[in-house]
Amino acid sequence: MKEAKENTPAWYVVHTRPKCEHIAASLMAGLEGVETYCPRIRFQRNTRRGKVWFVEALFPSYFFARFVPVDSMRAVKYSQSVIRVVDFGGNLTSVPDEAIAELKSEMKDVEICEVEVGVKVGDTVELTEGPMRGLKGIVNAMLSGADRVRVLLEFLGRENAVEVPMSKILTEHKPRAVVASR
């Protein structure tokens, strides 16, 4: 990041209320002389209700805005859902154009990228359906056919291996960022 020049357009980081990044960015994009970029990811997660699709900001509670501070700072600062424009010690600091260009390139020039969330051997999982619902175990093997896994569960004092569809387990790890353009 470099120090801002008040009269030239540059990218800045805008801090927003939680879960309001894309709304704030789209409203701010309507301001004259302001360009916004709010990269988001779309991923599927197993929940107790089954597989559910989620869309979240790549940088939760933050997005990027390009503007000339002397012309647009007040409008940007007081835009809906904006908490502040990020600064360091009171000094407005911009993000290099190259960093934004590289981020857009990594995101395949789309605003919402789909990421793959996978289960791997050794992950701790929880069963979400059936008579053993709520029991936790460790993935022991990936099985072919219908996305099935073998899970080792400790039940009644011994370890038991059960085979279940991946849609019936809840993983305890965060999504891995394997970007696939959508």
N, C-alpha and C. Protein backbone atom coordinates (compact mmCIF):
# COMPACT_ATOMS: atom_id res chain seq x y z
N MET A 1 0.84 -1.18 0.00
CA MET A 1 0.00 0.00 0.00
C MET A 1 0.88 1.24 0.00
N LYS A 2 0.40 2.28 -0.61
CA LYS A 2 1.18 3.51 -0.66
C LYS A 2 0.33 4.66 -0.17
N GLU A 3 1.00 5.76 0.19
CA GLU A 3 0.26 6.92 0.68
C GLU A 3 -0.56 7.55 -0.42
N ALA A 4 -1.71 8.02 -0.04
CA ALA A 4 -2.66 8.57 -1.01
C ALA A 4 -2.26 9.95 -1.49
N LYS A 5 -2.56 10.19 -2.74
CA LYS A 5 -2.45 11.53 -3.31
C LYS A 5 -3.88 12.01 -3.43
N GLU A 6 -4.18 13.13 -2.84
CA GLU A 6 -5.55 13.62 -2.71
C GLU A 6 -6.24 13.94 -4.03
N ASN A 7 -5.48 14.22 -5.12
CA ASN A 7 -6.10 14.66 -6.36
C ASN A 7 -6.11 13.64 -7.48
N THR A 8 -5.65 12.43 -7.21
CA THR A 8 -5.63 11.42 -8.27
C THR A 8 -6.50 10.22 -7.85
N PRO A 9 -7.15 9.58 -8.82
CA PRO A 9 -7.98 8.43 -8.46
C PRO A 9 -7.10 7.25 -8.02
N ALA A 10 -7.53 6.56 -7.00
CA ALA A 10 -6.80 5.40 -6.49
C ALA A 10 -7.80 4.47 -5.82
N TRP A 11 -7.36 3.22 -5.62
CA TRP A 11 -8.19 2.23 -4.94
C TRP A 11 -7.98 2.34 -3.43
N TYR A 12 -9.08 2.27 -2.69
CA TYR A 12 -9.04 2.31 -1.24
C TYR A 12 -9.87 1.16 -0.69
N VAL A 13 -9.57 0.76 0.54
CA VAL A 13 -10.33 -0.30 1.19
C VAL A 13 -11.43 0.36 2.01
N VAL A 14 -12.66 -0.12 1.81
CA VAL A 14 -13.82 0.43 2.53
C VAL A 14 -14.33 -0.64 3.50
N HIS A 15 -14.47 -0.26 4.77
CA HIS A 15 -14.96 -1.15 5.82
C HIS A 15 -16.47 -0.95 5.94
N THR A 16 -17.24 -2.06 5.93
CA THR A 16 -18.70 -1.99 5.97
C THR A 16 -19.27 -2.75 7.17
N ARG A 17 -20.55 -2.61 7.35
CA ARG A 17 -21.24 -3.44 8.34
C ARG A 17 -21.15 -4.88 7.86
N PRO A 18 -21.16 -5.85 8.79
CA PRO A 18 -21.08 -7.26 8.40
C PRO A 18 -22.20 -7.66 7.43
N LYS A 19 -21.84 -8.48 6.45
CA LYS A 19 -22.77 -9.03 5.45
C LYS A 19 -23.41 -7.96 4.56
N CYS A 20 -22.84 -6.77 4.52
CA CYS A 20 -23.40 -5.67 3.70
C CYS A 20 -22.44 -5.20 2.61
N GLU A 21 -21.35 -5.94 2.39
CA GLU A 21 -20.32 -5.49 1.46
C GLU A 21 -20.87 -5.25 0.06
N HIS A 22 -21.55 -6.25 -0.50
CA HIS A 22 -22.03 -6.13 -1.89
C HIS A 22 -23.12 -5.08 -2.02
N ILE A 23 -23.93 -4.89 -1.00
CA ILE A 23 -24.97 -3.86 -1.05
C ILE A 23 -24.32 -2.47 -1.03
N ALA A 24 -23.39 -2.27 -0.10
CA ALA A 24 -22.69 -0.98 0.00
C ALA A 24 -21.93 -0.69 -1.29
N ALA A 25 -21.28 -1.72 -1.85
CA ALA A 25 -20.51 -1.53 -3.09
C ALA A 25 -21.42 -1.16 -4.25
N SER A 26 -22.57 -1.80 -4.38
CA SER A 26 -23.45 -1.50 -5.51
C SER A 26 -24.09 -0.11 -5.35
N LEU A 27 -24.42 0.28 -4.13
CA LEU A 27 -24.95 1.63 -3.92
C LEU A 27 -23.88 2.69 -4.20
N MET A 28 -22.66 2.41 -3.75
CA MET A 28 -21.57 3.36 -3.95
C MET A 28 -21.19 3.47 -5.42
N ALA A 29 -21.35 2.40 -6.18
CA ALA A 29 -21.03 2.42 -7.61
C ALA A 29 -21.90 3.43 -8.35
N GLY A 30 -23.04 3.78 -7.79
CA GLY A 30 -23.92 4.78 -8.38
C GLY A 30 -23.44 6.20 -8.19
N LEU A 31 -22.45 6.40 -7.35
CA LEU A 31 -21.91 7.75 -7.14
C LEU A 31 -21.03 8.14 -8.32
N GLU A 32 -21.09 9.40 -8.69
CA GLU A 32 -20.27 9.88 -9.81
C GLU A 32 -18.79 9.86 -9.44
N GLY A 33 -17.98 9.31 -10.33
CA GLY A 33 -16.53 9.28 -10.11
C GLY A 33 -16.05 8.19 -9.17
N VAL A 34 -16.93 7.23 -8.84
CA VAL A 34 -16.55 6.14 -7.93
C VAL A 34 -16.75 4.80 -8.63
N GLU A 35 -15.70 3.97 -8.60
CA GLU A 35 -15.76 2.62 -9.13
C GLU A 35 -15.58 1.68 -7.94
N THR A 36 -16.32 0.57 -7.90
CA THR A 36 -16.19 -0.36 -6.78
C THR A 36 -15.85 -1.75 -7.27
N TYR A 37 -15.25 -2.52 -6.37
CA TYR A 37 -14.96 -3.93 -6.65
C TYR A 37 -15.14 -4.71 -5.36
N CYS A 38 -16.10 -5.64 -5.39
CA CYS A 38 -16.41 -6.46 -4.22
C CYS A 38 -16.38 -7.93 -4.62
N PRO A 39 -15.19 -8.55 -4.60
CA PRO A 39 -15.12 -9.96 -4.99
C PRO A 39 -15.84 -10.85 -3.97
N ARG A 40 -16.61 -11.82 -4.50
CA ARG A 40 -17.35 -12.73 -3.62
C ARG A 40 -17.11 -14.17 -4.06
N ILE A 41 -17.33 -15.09 -3.13
CA ILE A 41 -17.18 -16.51 -3.43
C ILE A 41 -18.50 -17.21 -3.17
N ARG A 42 -18.75 -18.26 -3.96
CA ARG A 42 -19.94 -19.08 -3.82
C ARG A 42 -19.46 -20.49 -3.53
N PHE A 43 -19.97 -21.07 -2.47
CA PHE A 43 -19.55 -22.42 -2.11
C PHE A 43 -20.71 -23.18 -1.48
N GLN A 44 -20.58 -24.49 -1.53
CA GLN A 44 -21.60 -25.36 -0.97
C GLN A 44 -21.07 -25.95 0.33
N ARG A 45 -21.94 -25.96 1.34
CA ARG A 45 -21.53 -26.48 2.63
C ARG A 45 -22.62 -27.44 3.11
N ASN A 46 -22.19 -28.54 3.71
CA ASN A 46 -23.15 -29.45 4.32
C ASN A 46 -23.62 -28.84 5.63
N THR A 47 -24.92 -28.78 5.82
CA THR A 47 -25.50 -28.29 7.06
C THR A 47 -26.42 -29.38 7.59
N ARG A 48 -27.02 -29.12 8.71
CA ARG A 48 -27.97 -30.09 9.27
C ARG A 48 -29.18 -30.26 8.36
N ARG A 49 -29.43 -29.28 7.48
CA ARG A 49 -30.54 -29.37 6.53
C ARG A 49 -30.12 -30.03 5.22
N GLY A 50 -28.87 -30.38 5.09
CA GLY A 50 -28.35 -30.93 3.84
C GLY A 50 -27.41 -29.93 3.21
N LYS A 51 -27.09 -30.11 1.92
CA LYS A 51 -26.18 -29.20 1.23
C LYS A 51 -26.88 -27.88 0.94
N VAL A 52 -26.20 -26.78 1.26
CA VAL A 52 -26.75 -25.44 1.05
C VAL A 52 -25.67 -24.59 0.38
N TRP A 53 -26.07 -23.77 -0.60
CA TRP A 53 -25.14 -22.86 -1.27
C TRP A 53 -25.06 -21.56 -0.47
N PHE A 54 -23.84 -21.04 -0.32
CA PHE A 54 -23.59 -19.78 0.36
C PHE A 54 -22.83 -18.85 -0.59
N VAL A 55 -23.10 -17.56 -0.51
CA VAL A 55 -22.32 -16.54 -1.21
C VAL A 55 -21.85 -15.56 -0.16
N GLU A 56 -20.53 -15.37 -0.07
CA GLU A 56 -19.95 -14.47 0.91
C GLU A 56 -18.87 -13.63 0.27
N ALA A 57 -18.58 -12.49 0.88
CA ALA A 57 -17.50 -11.63 0.40
C ALA A 57 -16.16 -12.35 0.60
N LEU A 58 -15.28 -12.19 -0.37
CA LEU A 58 -13.94 -12.77 -0.24
C LEU A 58 -13.23 -12.17 0.97
N PHE A 59 -13.47 -10.88 1.21
CA PHE A 59 -12.92 -10.18 2.37
C PHE A 59 -14.11 -9.72 3.22
N PRO A 60 -14.55 -10.53 4.18
CA PRO A 60 -15.75 -10.17 4.96
C PRO A 60 -15.66 -8.77 5.57
N SER A 61 -16.70 -7.97 5.34
CA SER A 61 -16.85 -6.60 5.82
C SER A 61 -15.96 -5.58 5.10
N TYR A 62 -15.39 -5.96 3.95
CA TYR A 62 -14.53 -5.02 3.21
C TYR A 62 -14.77 -5.15 1.71
N PHE A 63 -14.57 -4.05 0.99
CA PHE A 63 -14.53 -4.06 -0.47
C PHE A 63 -13.62 -2.91 -0.91
N PHE A 64 -13.39 -2.80 -2.21
CA PHE A 64 -12.49 -1.79 -2.74
C PHE A 64 -13.28 -0.73 -3.50
N ALA A 65 -12.84 0.51 -3.39
CA ALA A 65 -13.47 1.60 -4.13
C ALA A 65 -12.36 2.48 -4.72
N ARG A 66 -12.55 2.86 -5.98
CA ARG A 66 -11.58 3.73 -6.66
C ARG A 66 -12.23 5.10 -6.83
N PHE A 67 -11.57 6.11 -6.28
CA PHE A 67 -12.10 7.47 -6.36
C PHE A 67 -11.01 8.49 -6.07
N VAL A 68 -11.33 9.76 -6.33
CA VAL A 68 -10.43 10.88 -6.01
C VAL A 68 -10.86 11.38 -4.63
N PRO A 69 -10.00 11.28 -3.62
CA PRO A 69 -10.40 11.65 -2.26
C PRO A 69 -10.97 13.07 -2.11
N VAL A 70 -10.36 14.08 -2.74
CA VAL A 70 -10.87 15.44 -2.57
C VAL A 70 -12.26 15.61 -3.16
N ASP A 71 -12.59 14.84 -4.19
CA ASP A 71 -13.89 14.97 -4.84
C ASP A 71 -14.96 14.09 -4.19
N SER A 72 -14.61 12.90 -3.74
CA SER A 72 -15.63 11.91 -3.36
C SER A 72 -15.55 11.37 -1.94
N MET A 73 -14.56 11.77 -1.15
CA MET A 73 -14.38 11.18 0.17
C MET A 73 -15.64 11.31 1.04
N ARG A 74 -16.23 12.45 1.06
CA ARG A 74 -17.41 12.67 1.91
C ARG A 74 -18.56 11.74 1.49
N ALA A 75 -18.83 11.65 0.19
CA ALA A 75 -19.91 10.79 -0.32
C ALA A 75 -19.62 9.32 -0.02
N VAL A 76 -18.36 8.91 -0.16
CA VAL A 76 -17.97 7.52 0.10
C VAL A 76 -18.12 7.21 1.59
N LYS A 77 -17.58 8.08 2.43
CA LYS A 77 -17.60 7.90 3.88
C LYS A 77 -19.01 7.76 4.44
N TYR A 78 -19.93 8.53 3.88
CA TYR A 78 -21.29 8.55 4.41
C TYR A 78 -22.28 7.75 3.57
N SER A 79 -21.76 6.89 2.73
CA SER A 79 -22.61 6.01 1.93
C SER A 79 -23.23 4.96 2.85
N GLN A 80 -24.38 4.42 2.45
CA GLN A 80 -25.11 3.46 3.27
C GLN A 80 -24.26 2.22 3.58
N SER A 81 -24.28 1.78 4.84
CA SER A 81 -23.60 0.59 5.37
C SER A 81 -22.09 0.73 5.49
N VAL A 82 -21.53 1.89 5.18
CA VAL A 82 -20.08 2.10 5.29
C VAL A 82 -19.74 2.52 6.71
N ILE A 83 -18.73 1.87 7.28
CA ILE A 83 -18.24 2.25 8.61
C ILE A 83 -17.14 3.29 8.46
N ARG A 84 -16.17 3.01 7.56
CA ARG A 84 -15.08 3.96 7.34
C ARG A 84 -14.27 3.55 6.11
N VAL A 85 -13.45 4.47 5.65
CA VAL A 85 -12.45 4.16 4.63
C VAL A 85 -11.18 3.87 5.43
N VAL A 86 -10.58 2.72 5.19
CA VAL A 86 -9.44 2.27 5.99
C VAL A 86 -8.25 3.22 5.82
N ASP A 87 -7.69 3.62 6.96
CA ASP A 87 -6.47 4.45 6.95
C ASP A 87 -5.51 3.88 7.99
N PHE A 88 -4.30 4.38 7.99
CA PHE A 88 -3.30 3.94 8.94
C PHE A 88 -2.77 5.16 9.66
N GLY A 89 -3.09 5.26 10.94
CA GLY A 89 -2.64 6.40 11.73
C GLY A 89 -3.18 7.72 11.23
N GLY A 90 -4.37 7.70 10.67
CA GLY A 90 -4.97 8.94 10.15
C GLY A 90 -4.55 9.27 8.74
N ASN A 91 -3.64 8.49 8.16
CA ASN A 91 -3.19 8.72 6.78
C ASN A 91 -3.94 7.79 5.84
N LEU A 92 -4.66 8.37 4.90
CA LEU A 92 -5.39 7.59 3.91
C LEU A 92 -4.37 6.85 3.05
N THR A 93 -4.54 5.55 2.92
CA THR A 93 -3.58 4.72 2.19
C THR A 93 -4.29 3.98 1.08
N SER A 94 -3.71 4.04 -0.11
CA SER A 94 -4.33 3.40 -1.27
C SER A 94 -3.76 2.01 -1.52
N VAL A 95 -4.50 1.24 -2.30
CA VAL A 95 -4.07 -0.09 -2.71
C VAL A 95 -3.55 0.06 -4.14
N PRO A 96 -2.37 -0.47 -4.45
CA PRO A 96 -1.83 -0.33 -5.82
C PRO A 96 -2.77 -0.93 -6.88
N ASP A 97 -2.85 -0.26 -8.02
CA ASP A 97 -3.68 -0.74 -9.13
C ASP A 97 -3.30 -2.17 -9.52
N GLU A 98 -2.00 -2.49 -9.44
CA GLU A 98 -1.53 -3.82 -9.80
C GLU A 98 -2.12 -4.89 -8.89
N ALA A 99 -2.29 -4.58 -7.61
CA ALA A 99 -2.85 -5.54 -6.66
C ALA A 99 -4.31 -5.84 -7.01
N ILE A 100 -5.06 -4.82 -7.38
CA ILE A 100 -6.47 -5.02 -7.77
C ILE A 100 -6.53 -5.80 -9.08
N ALA A 101 -5.65 -5.47 -10.03
CA ALA A 101 -5.63 -6.18 -11.31
C ALA A 101 -5.30 -7.66 -11.09
N GLU A 102 -4.36 -7.94 -10.20
CA GLU A 102 -3.99 -9.33 -9.92
C GLU A 102 -5.14 -10.07 -9.24
N LEU A 103 -5.83 -9.40 -8.33
CA LEU A 103 -6.97 -10.00 -7.66
C LEU A 103 -8.08 -10.31 -8.67
N LYS A 104 -8.35 -9.38 -9.57
CA LYS A 104 -9.37 -9.61 -10.61
C LYS A 104 -8.96 -10.78 -11.50
N SER A 105 -7.69 -10.88 -11.81
CA SER A 105 -7.19 -11.98 -12.62
C SER A 105 -7.37 -13.32 -11.90
N GLU A 106 -7.05 -13.37 -10.61
CA GLU A 106 -7.23 -14.59 -9.82
C GLU A 106 -8.70 -14.99 -9.75
N MET A 107 -9.57 -14.00 -9.75
CA MET A 107 -11.02 -14.24 -9.68
C MET A 107 -11.59 -14.48 -11.08
N LYS A 108 -10.74 -14.63 -12.08
CA LYS A 108 -11.14 -14.90 -13.47
C LYS A 108 -12.07 -13.81 -14.03
N ASP A 109 -11.87 -12.57 -13.55
CA ASP A 109 -12.64 -11.41 -14.01
C ASP A 109 -14.15 -11.57 -13.84
N VAL A 110 -14.58 -12.36 -12.87
CA VAL A 110 -16.00 -12.43 -12.52
C VAL A 110 -16.12 -11.97 -11.07
N GLU A 111 -17.27 -11.45 -10.72
CA GLU A 111 -17.42 -10.94 -9.36
C GLU A 111 -17.70 -12.04 -8.34
N ILE A 112 -18.32 -13.15 -8.77
CA ILE A 112 -18.59 -14.26 -7.85
C ILE A 112 -17.94 -15.52 -8.42
N CYS A 113 -16.96 -16.06 -7.68
CA CYS A 113 -16.28 -17.30 -8.09
C CYS A 113 -16.77 -18.44 -7.21
N GLU A 114 -16.90 -19.59 -7.83
CA GLU A 114 -17.31 -20.77 -7.09
C GLU A 114 -16.06 -21.46 -6.55
N VAL A 115 -16.09 -21.81 -5.27
CA VAL A 115 -14.96 -22.52 -4.68
C VAL A 115 -15.42 -23.90 -4.28
N GLU A 116 -14.51 -24.83 -4.37
CA GLU A 116 -14.81 -26.22 -4.06
C GLU A 116 -14.50 -26.49 -2.59
N VAL A 117 -15.47 -27.00 -1.89
CA VAL A 117 -15.27 -27.39 -0.50
C VAL A 117 -15.25 -28.90 -0.47
N GLY A 118 -14.13 -29.46 -0.13
CA GLY A 118 -14.03 -30.91 -0.18
C GLY A 118 -13.71 -31.52 1.17
N VAL A 119 -14.06 -32.78 1.29
CA VAL A 119 -13.73 -33.55 2.48
C VAL A 119 -12.52 -34.39 2.11
N LYS A 120 -11.60 -34.53 3.04
CA LYS A 120 -10.44 -35.37 2.77
C LYS A 120 -10.23 -36.33 3.93
N VAL A 121 -9.46 -37.37 3.67
CA VAL A 121 -9.16 -38.36 4.70
C VAL A 121 -8.50 -37.66 5.87
N GLY A 122 -8.98 -37.97 7.07
CA GLY A 122 -8.44 -37.36 8.28
C GLY A 122 -9.29 -36.22 8.83
N ASP A 123 -10.25 -35.71 8.04
CA ASP A 123 -11.14 -34.64 8.51
C ASP A 123 -12.09 -35.17 9.58
N THR A 124 -12.37 -34.35 10.56
CA THR A 124 -13.38 -34.68 11.56
C THR A 124 -14.73 -34.24 11.02
N VAL A 125 -15.70 -35.12 11.05
CA VAL A 125 -17.04 -34.83 10.52
C VAL A 125 -18.11 -35.24 11.53
N GLU A 126 -19.31 -34.71 11.33
CA GLU A 126 -20.46 -35.06 12.16
C GLU A 126 -21.56 -35.58 11.26
N LEU A 127 -22.19 -36.67 11.64
CA LEU A 127 -23.30 -37.20 10.86
C LEU A 127 -24.52 -36.31 11.07
N THR A 128 -25.23 -36.00 10.00
CA THR A 128 -26.35 -35.07 10.09
C THR A 128 -27.72 -35.75 9.98
N GLU A 129 -27.76 -37.02 9.60
CA GLU A 129 -29.04 -37.72 9.46
C GLU A 129 -28.90 -39.16 9.92
N GLY A 130 -30.04 -39.78 10.16
CA GLY A 130 -30.07 -41.19 10.50
C GLY A 130 -29.98 -41.45 11.99
N PRO A 131 -29.92 -42.72 12.37
CA PRO A 131 -29.92 -43.08 13.80
C PRO A 131 -28.67 -42.63 14.54
N MET A 132 -27.58 -42.37 13.82
CA MET A 132 -26.34 -41.93 14.47
C MET A 132 -26.11 -40.43 14.33
N ARG A 133 -27.18 -39.69 14.04
CA ARG A 133 -27.11 -38.24 13.88
C ARG A 133 -26.45 -37.60 15.11
N GLY A 134 -25.54 -36.69 14.86
CA GLY A 134 -24.85 -35.98 15.94
C GLY A 134 -23.54 -36.61 16.36
N LEU A 135 -23.29 -37.87 15.97
CA LEU A 135 -22.02 -38.51 16.31
C LEU A 135 -20.91 -37.96 15.43
N LYS A 136 -19.73 -37.80 16.03
CA LYS A 136 -18.57 -37.30 15.29
C LYS A 136 -17.60 -38.43 15.04
N GLY A 137 -16.93 -38.35 13.91
CA GLY A 137 -15.95 -39.36 13.56
C GLY A 137 -14.90 -38.79 12.63
N ILE A 138 -14.00 -39.64 12.19
CA ILE A 138 -12.90 -39.23 11.31
C ILE A 138 -13.06 -39.95 9.98
N VAL A 139 -12.91 -39.18 8.88
CA VAL A 139 -13.00 -39.78 7.55
C VAL A 139 -11.82 -40.72 7.38
N ASN A 140 -12.12 -41.96 7.07
CA ASN A 140 -11.11 -43.01 6.96
C ASN A 140 -10.77 -43.30 5.51
N ALA A 141 -11.75 -43.12 4.59
CA ALA A 141 -11.51 -43.42 3.17
C ALA A 141 -12.53 -42.70 2.31
N MET A 142 -12.12 -42.35 1.11
CA MET A 142 -13.00 -41.79 0.09
C MET A 142 -13.42 -42.97 -0.79
N LEU A 143 -14.73 -43.14 -0.97
CA LEU A 143 -15.23 -44.28 -1.74
C LEU A 143 -15.77 -43.81 -3.08
N SER A 144 -15.69 -44.66 -4.06
CA SER A 144 -16.21 -44.30 -5.37
C SER A 144 -17.72 -44.50 -5.40
N GLY A 145 -18.37 -43.82 -6.29
CA GLY A 145 -19.81 -43.98 -6.47
C GLY A 145 -20.62 -43.15 -5.50
N ALA A 146 -21.41 -42.27 -6.04
CA ALA A 146 -22.38 -41.45 -5.29
C ALA A 146 -21.75 -40.63 -4.17
N ASP A 147 -20.50 -40.21 -4.34
CA ASP A 147 -19.83 -39.34 -3.35
C ASP A 147 -19.98 -39.88 -1.92
N ARG A 148 -19.45 -41.04 -1.69
CA ARG A 148 -19.55 -41.67 -0.37
C ARG A 148 -18.19 -41.66 0.33
N VAL A 149 -18.25 -41.67 1.66
CA VAL A 149 -17.04 -41.73 2.47
C VAL A 149 -17.22 -42.79 3.55
N ARG A 150 -16.09 -43.31 4.04
CA ARG A 150 -16.12 -44.22 5.18
C ARG A 150 -15.66 -43.41 6.39
N VAL A 151 -16.46 -43.43 7.45
CA VAL A 151 -16.18 -42.67 8.66
C VAL A 151 -16.00 -43.63 9.82
N LEU A 152 -14.94 -43.40 10.59
CA LEU A 152 -14.72 -44.18 11.81
C LEU A 152 -15.41 -43.47 12.96
N LEU A 153 -16.36 -44.15 13.60
CA LEU A 153 -17.10 -43.60 14.73
C LEU A 153 -16.81 -44.41 15.97
N GLU A 154 -16.68 -43.73 17.11
CA GLU A 154 -16.56 -44.45 18.37
C GLU A 154 -17.96 -44.53 18.95
N PHE A 155 -18.45 -45.77 19.06
CA PHE A 155 -19.82 -45.98 19.50
C PHE A 155 -19.87 -47.22 20.38
N LEU A 156 -20.45 -47.11 21.55
CA LEU A 156 -20.56 -48.22 22.50
C LEU A 156 -19.20 -48.83 22.84
N GLY A 157 -18.21 -47.97 23.00
CA GLY A 157 -16.90 -48.42 23.45
C GLY A 157 -16.00 -49.01 22.39
N ARG A 158 -16.42 -49.01 21.12
CA ARG A 158 -15.54 -49.52 20.08
C ARG A 158 -15.65 -48.66 18.83
N GLU A 159 -14.61 -48.77 18.01
CA GLU A 159 -14.61 -48.03 16.74
C GLU A 159 -15.34 -48.82 15.68
N ASN A 160 -16.24 -48.15 14.98
CA ASN A 160 -17.00 -48.78 13.91
C ASN A 160 -16.85 -47.95 12.64
N ALA A 161 -16.71 -48.63 11.52
CA ALA A 161 -16.63 -47.94 10.23
C ALA A 161 -18.02 -47.96 9.60
N VAL A 162 -18.48 -46.77 9.18
CA VAL A 162 -19.77 -46.68 8.50
C VAL A 162 -19.56 -45.95 7.18
N GLU A 163 -20.30 -46.34 6.17
CA GLU A 163 -20.23 -45.69 4.87
C GLU A 163 -21.45 -44.80 4.72
N VAL A 164 -21.21 -43.53 4.40
CA VAL A 164 -22.31 -42.56 4.28
C VAL A 164 -22.08 -41.65 3.07
N PRO A 165 -23.16 -41.12 2.50
CA PRO A 165 -23.01 -40.14 1.43
C PRO A 165 -22.43 -38.84 2.01
N MET A 166 -21.63 -38.15 1.22
CA MET A 166 -21.03 -36.89 1.67
C MET A 166 -22.09 -35.86 2.04
N SER A 167 -23.27 -35.96 1.43
CA SER A 167 -24.33 -35.00 1.73
C SER A 167 -24.89 -35.17 3.13
N LYS A 168 -24.54 -36.26 3.81
CA LYS A 168 -25.08 -36.54 5.15
C LYS A 168 -24.06 -36.27 6.25
N ILE A 169 -22.96 -35.57 5.91
CA ILE A 169 -21.97 -35.24 6.93
C ILE A 169 -21.74 -33.74 6.95
N LEU A 170 -21.33 -33.27 8.10
CA LEU A 170 -21.01 -31.86 8.32
C LEU A 170 -19.53 -31.81 8.67
N THR A 171 -18.74 -31.09 7.86
CA THR A 171 -17.30 -31.01 8.11
C THR A 171 -17.00 -29.92 9.11
N GLU A 172 -15.89 -30.06 9.79
CA GLU A 172 -15.49 -29.08 10.80
C GLU A 172 -14.36 -28.19 10.33
N HIS A 173 -14.06 -28.18 9.03
CA HIS A 173 -12.99 -27.31 8.54
C HIS A 173 -13.58 -26.25 7.63
N LYS A 174 -12.78 -25.23 7.36
CA LYS A 174 -13.19 -24.12 6.49
C LYS A 174 -13.02 -24.51 5.03
N PRO A 175 -13.73 -23.82 4.12
CA PRO A 175 -13.59 -24.12 2.69
C PRO A 175 -12.17 -23.90 2.20
N ARG A 176 -11.70 -24.77 1.32
CA ARG A 176 -10.41 -24.57 0.67
C ARG A 176 -10.66 -23.77 -0.58
N ALA A 177 -9.82 -22.81 -0.86
CA ALA A 177 -10.04 -21.92 -2.00
C ALA A 177 -9.49 -22.51 -3.28
N VAL A 178 -10.26 -23.37 -3.90
CA VAL A 178 -9.95 -23.91 -5.22
C VAL A 178 -10.89 -23.16 -6.15
N VAL A 179 -10.39 -22.11 -6.79
CA VAL A 179 -11.25 -21.22 -7.56
C VAL A 179 -11.60 -21.82 -8.90
N ALA A 180 -12.88 -21.83 -9.18
CA ALA A 180 -13.39 -22.25 -10.48
C ALA A 180 -14.36 -21.19 -10.95
N SER A 181 -14.10 -20.61 -12.09
CA SER A 181 -14.96 -19.51 -12.56
C SER A 181 -16.36 -20.03 -12.84
N ARG A 182 -17.29 -19.16 -12.70
CA ARG A 182 -18.69 -19.54 -12.87
C ARG A 182 -19.28 -18.78 -14.01
